[in-house]
Every structure is written in structure tokens, then in C-alpha cells.
């Protein structure tokens, strides 16, 4: 995985994102080939507390995101996760 930084955001792997989910900390997700905080596409902010109200798991959230947003070569076929530097 490439170590990418965008301002105060750093790319984290899926395991680290799941740890943030388990702690209830907010993180961001976008398709792997897109610039997460660019002018054309913005990463989706994930607040685990909102998903907990509907009994979603981390894996369900990722599967849904990938099914709708990671479907072609241009965007990428998997999700990329980003966290604030201090949240990691």
C-alpha cells in the first residue's frame, strides 16, 4: 500500500480502518484510484455511530461501498481508507 498524505489525512489499510470503526472514530473512504480530497471527487466520511444505529458491520459497509463505487478500472476495484493524522 502506498503511504499517501493529503494535508492532515493519511491513508490507512483496511485493518486500521476497522480498528477506527471499532473505536467509534470517524474516517474516510473512497475508490482506490481516486484522489480522496480532490476537486472532482470527495471521500465519503464514515461515522460508525450512524451505522451502529442500523446494526451495520464494518464489512457490510465496505461491501456496499465497493458494490456501488468501485466497479470499473478508472475508479478502482476496492476501497481506500483515510484517517486524520491524530485519529490513527
Protein backbone atom coordinates (compact mmCIF):
# COMPACT_ATOMS: atom_id res chain seq x y z
CA UNK A 1 0.00 0.00 0.00
CA UNK A 2 1.27 3.45 -0.87
CA UNK A 3 1.75 5.78 2.10
CA UNK A 4 -0.22 8.82 0.96
CA UNK A 5 -0.85 12.07 2.80
CA UNK A 6 -3.37 14.75 1.95
CA UNK A 7 -2.98 17.64 4.38
CA UNK A 8 -3.73 16.20 7.82
CA UNK A 9 -5.10 12.94 6.36
CA UNK A 10 -3.12 9.74 5.94
CA UNK A 11 -4.02 6.58 4.05
CA UNK A 12 -4.61 3.58 6.31
CA UNK A 13 -5.16 -0.06 5.47
CA UNK A 14 -8.40 -1.98 5.95
CA UNK A 15 -7.35 -3.41 9.33
CA UNK A 16 -6.56 0.04 10.69
CA UNK A 17 -9.87 1.36 9.37
CA UNK A 18 -11.69 -1.46 11.14
CA UNK A 19 -9.93 -0.55 14.39
CA UNK A 20 -11.13 3.03 13.95
CA UNK A 21 -14.64 1.68 13.31
CA UNK A 22 -14.46 -0.43 16.49
CA UNK A 23 -13.36 2.63 18.50
CA UNK A 24 -16.19 4.72 17.01
CA UNK A 25 -13.81 7.18 15.33
CA UNK A 26 -14.64 8.87 12.04
CA UNK A 27 -12.64 8.01 8.91
CA UNK A 28 -12.99 8.46 5.16
CA UNK A 29 -13.38 6.01 2.29
CA UNK A 30 -13.11 6.41 -1.48
CA UNK A 31 -12.37 4.25 -4.51
CA UNK A 32 -8.71 3.26 -4.71
CA UNK A 33 -7.76 5.12 -7.91
CA UNK A 34 -9.35 8.43 -6.97
CA UNK A 35 -7.78 11.36 -5.14
CA UNK A 36 -9.82 11.46 -1.93
CA UNK A 37 -9.91 15.23 -1.40
CA UNK A 38 -9.56 16.39 -5.00
CA UNK A 39 -11.72 18.74 -6.99
CA UNK A 40 -13.74 16.09 -8.84
CA UNK A 41 -14.37 13.54 -6.15
CA UNK A 42 -14.55 13.66 -2.39
CA UNK A 43 -14.08 10.80 0.02
CA UNK A 44 -17.14 9.71 1.97
CA UNK A 45 -16.99 10.46 5.68
CA UNK A 46 -17.84 7.37 7.71
CA UNK A 47 -19.20 7.85 11.22
CA UNK A 48 -19.53 4.38 12.79
CA UNK A 49 -22.13 5.62 15.29
CA UNK A 50 -24.60 6.30 12.47
CA UNK A 51 -24.14 2.78 11.13
CA UNK A 52 -24.42 1.24 14.59
CA UNK A 53 -27.96 2.62 14.89
CA UNK A 54 -28.90 0.43 11.91
CA UNK A 55 -26.85 -2.61 13.06
CA UNK A 56 -24.35 -2.42 10.19
CA UNK A 57 -20.97 -4.08 10.50
CA UNK A 58 -17.74 -2.72 9.08
CA UNK A 59 -17.68 -5.45 6.43
CA UNK A 60 -21.25 -4.70 5.32
CA UNK A 61 -20.40 -1.01 4.94
CA UNK A 62 -17.28 -1.77 2.88
CA UNK A 63 -19.11 -4.31 0.69
CA UNK A 64 -21.90 -1.81 -0.03
CA UNK A 65 -19.44 0.98 -0.80
CA UNK A 66 -17.43 -1.21 -3.15
CA UNK A 67 -20.55 -2.54 -4.90
CA UNK A 68 -21.69 0.96 -5.82
CA UNK A 69 -18.44 2.93 -6.14
CA UNK A 70 -15.61 0.56 -7.07
CA UNK A 71 -16.87 -1.01 -10.25
CA UNK A 72 -14.53 -0.01 -13.05
CA UNK A 73 -10.88 0.36 -13.96
CA UNK A 74 -10.98 4.15 -13.87
CA UNK A 75 -12.12 4.39 -10.23
CA UNK A 76 -10.53 1.19 -8.96
CA UNK A 77 -11.97 -2.07 -7.75
CA UNK A 78 -11.52 -1.70 -3.98
CA UNK A 79 -11.95 0.88 -1.24
CA UNK A 80 -9.15 3.04 0.12
CA UNK A 81 -9.35 4.37 3.67
CA UNK A 82 -8.08 7.66 5.11
CA UNK A 83 -7.90 8.89 8.68
CA UNK A 84 -6.95 12.12 10.35
CA UNK A 85 -3.34 12.01 11.49
CA UNK A 86 -4.27 12.34 15.17
CA UNK A 87 -7.04 9.68 14.93
CA UNK A 88 -4.65 6.98 13.81
